[in-house]
Amino acid sequence: MSFQKKQLEYREIPMYICVMNHVEIFKALANPTRLQILAWFKTPEYYFPDQQEPFITGICGGQIQKKTGMTQSTISENLAVLQRAGLLISTHKGQWTYYKRNEAIFQELSLLC
């Protein structure tokens, strides 16, 4: 019994929170549009050559919307799902929002599989 207790104390984050985060990540990845967006973000200079802002800032939401041909609200919802799952990081610059992959999460995911 005490052995189990020590294992539980080892975790900085309770197990159910870790599982919930992974569930949200995999739910976000279950959508083809969101998977495509994440794939584009791996090499943004190739897929978004018209962007004026340096890619280190991220990709402008308007560029993503233009590339997909979807409505602004649909893209915003997809980006929000990816962001809530921790897969994207956003930065605001004036009236624009820029998104980039959260590479730390992808590194963590690669350790799971």
Protein backbone atom coordinates (compact mmCIF):
# COMPACT_ATOMS: atom_id res chain seq x y z
CA MET A 1 0.00 0.00 0.00
CA SER A 2 2.74 2.48 0.87
CA PHE A 3 4.52 1.65 -2.44
CA GLN A 4 1.45 2.84 -4.39
CA LYS A 5 1.27 6.00 -2.35
CA LYS A 6 4.88 6.87 -3.17
CA GLN A 7 4.18 6.37 -6.87
CA LEU A 8 1.25 8.75 -6.67
CA GLU A 9 3.32 11.37 -4.83
CA TYR A 10 5.94 11.26 -7.60
CA ARG A 11 3.60 12.94 -10.09
CA GLU A 12 3.66 16.72 -10.09
CA ILE A 13 0.35 16.71 -11.97
CA PRO A 14 -2.39 14.26 -10.95
CA MET A 15 -2.85 11.38 -13.40
CA TYR A 16 -6.41 12.36 -14.39
CA ILE A 17 -5.20 15.82 -15.50
CA CYS A 18 -2.49 14.27 -17.68
CA VAL A 19 -5.03 11.95 -19.28
CA MET A 20 -7.46 14.83 -19.86
CA ASN A 21 -4.77 16.87 -21.63
CA HIS A 22 -3.87 13.94 -23.86
CA VAL A 23 -7.53 13.33 -24.66
CA GLU A 24 -7.92 16.98 -25.71
CA ILE A 25 -4.80 16.75 -27.84
CA PHE A 26 -5.99 13.63 -29.63
CA LYS A 27 -9.47 15.10 -30.11
CA ALA A 28 -7.87 18.17 -31.71
CA LEU A 29 -5.77 15.95 -33.97
CA ALA A 30 -8.82 13.97 -35.10
CA ASN A 31 -9.86 16.71 -37.54
CA PRO A 32 -8.31 16.70 -41.06
CA THR A 33 -8.28 20.50 -41.32
CA ARG A 34 -6.45 20.89 -38.03
CA LEU A 35 -3.96 18.20 -39.04
CA GLN A 36 -3.35 20.05 -42.30
CA ILE A 37 -2.80 23.34 -40.48
CA LEU A 38 -0.25 21.70 -38.16
CA ALA A 39 1.52 20.17 -41.16
CA TRP A 40 1.76 23.60 -42.82
CA PHE A 41 3.23 25.01 -39.62
CA LYS A 42 6.18 22.59 -39.80
CA THR A 43 7.56 24.48 -42.81
CA PRO A 44 5.69 27.82 -42.87
CA GLU A 45 8.13 29.50 -45.25
CA TYR A 46 7.11 26.99 -47.91
CA TYR A 47 3.34 27.21 -47.38
CA PHE A 48 3.03 30.91 -46.54
CA PRO A 49 5.58 32.68 -48.78
CA ASP A 50 3.50 35.89 -48.93
CA GLN A 51 3.70 36.60 -45.20
CA GLN A 52 5.52 39.83 -44.42
CA GLU A 53 6.08 39.22 -40.70
CA PRO A 54 9.08 37.00 -39.75
CA PHE A 55 8.05 33.37 -39.29
CA ILE A 56 9.52 33.35 -35.78
CA THR A 57 6.44 35.37 -34.78
CA GLY A 58 4.13 32.72 -36.22
CA ILE A 59 1.62 32.61 -39.04
CA CYS A 60 -1.08 35.24 -39.29
CA GLY A 61 -4.60 33.91 -38.81
CA GLY A 62 -5.61 35.69 -42.02
CA GLN A 63 -2.99 33.77 -43.99
CA ILE A 64 -4.33 30.49 -42.63
CA GLN A 65 -7.88 31.47 -43.51
CA LYS A 66 -6.81 32.47 -47.02
CA LYS A 67 -4.95 29.18 -47.58
CA THR A 68 -7.84 26.98 -46.41
CA GLY A 69 -10.55 28.97 -48.19
CA MET A 70 -12.76 28.52 -45.13
CA THR A 71 -14.65 31.25 -43.33
CA GLN A 72 -12.88 33.29 -40.69
CA SER A 73 -15.13 31.90 -37.94
CA THR A 74 -14.43 28.28 -38.95
CA ILE A 75 -10.67 28.84 -38.97
CA SER A 76 -10.85 30.72 -35.67
CA GLU A 77 -12.65 27.79 -34.08
CA ASN A 78 -10.11 25.29 -35.43
CA LEU A 79 -7.22 27.42 -34.21
CA ALA A 80 -8.89 27.82 -30.81
CA VAL A 81 -9.25 24.03 -30.47
CA LEU A 82 -5.56 23.56 -31.30
CA GLN A 83 -4.61 26.29 -28.87
CA ARG A 84 -6.75 24.89 -26.02
CA ALA A 85 -5.11 21.51 -26.56
CA GLY A 86 -1.73 23.21 -26.22
CA LEU A 87 -0.63 22.43 -29.78
CA LEU A 88 -0.44 26.10 -30.84
CA ILE A 89 0.86 29.24 -29.20
CA SER A 90 -0.60 32.59 -30.18
CA THR A 91 0.90 36.06 -30.17
CA HIS A 92 -1.03 39.29 -30.67
CA LYS A 93 0.53 42.10 -32.66
CA GLY A 94 -1.77 45.03 -33.10
CA GLN A 95 -5.02 43.76 -34.58
CA TRP A 96 -3.42 40.54 -35.85
CA THR A 97 -2.96 37.19 -34.14
CA TYR A 98 -0.04 34.96 -35.08
CA TYR A 99 0.10 31.24 -34.39
CA LYS A 100 2.96 28.79 -34.20
CA ARG A 101 3.39 25.18 -33.18
CA ASN A 102 4.15 24.45 -29.54
CA GLU A 103 7.18 22.27 -30.23
CA ALA A 104 7.48 21.27 -26.55
CA ILE A 105 4.08 19.53 -26.75
CA PHE A 106 5.06 17.72 -29.94
CA GLN A 107 8.25 16.57 -28.26
CA GLU A 108 6.24 15.26 -25.31
CA LEU A 109 3.83 13.49 -27.69
CA SER A 110 6.68 11.81 -29.49
CA LEU A 111 7.71 10.26 -26.18
CA LEU A 112 4.22 8.78 -25.72
CA CYS A 113 4.08 6.92 -29.01
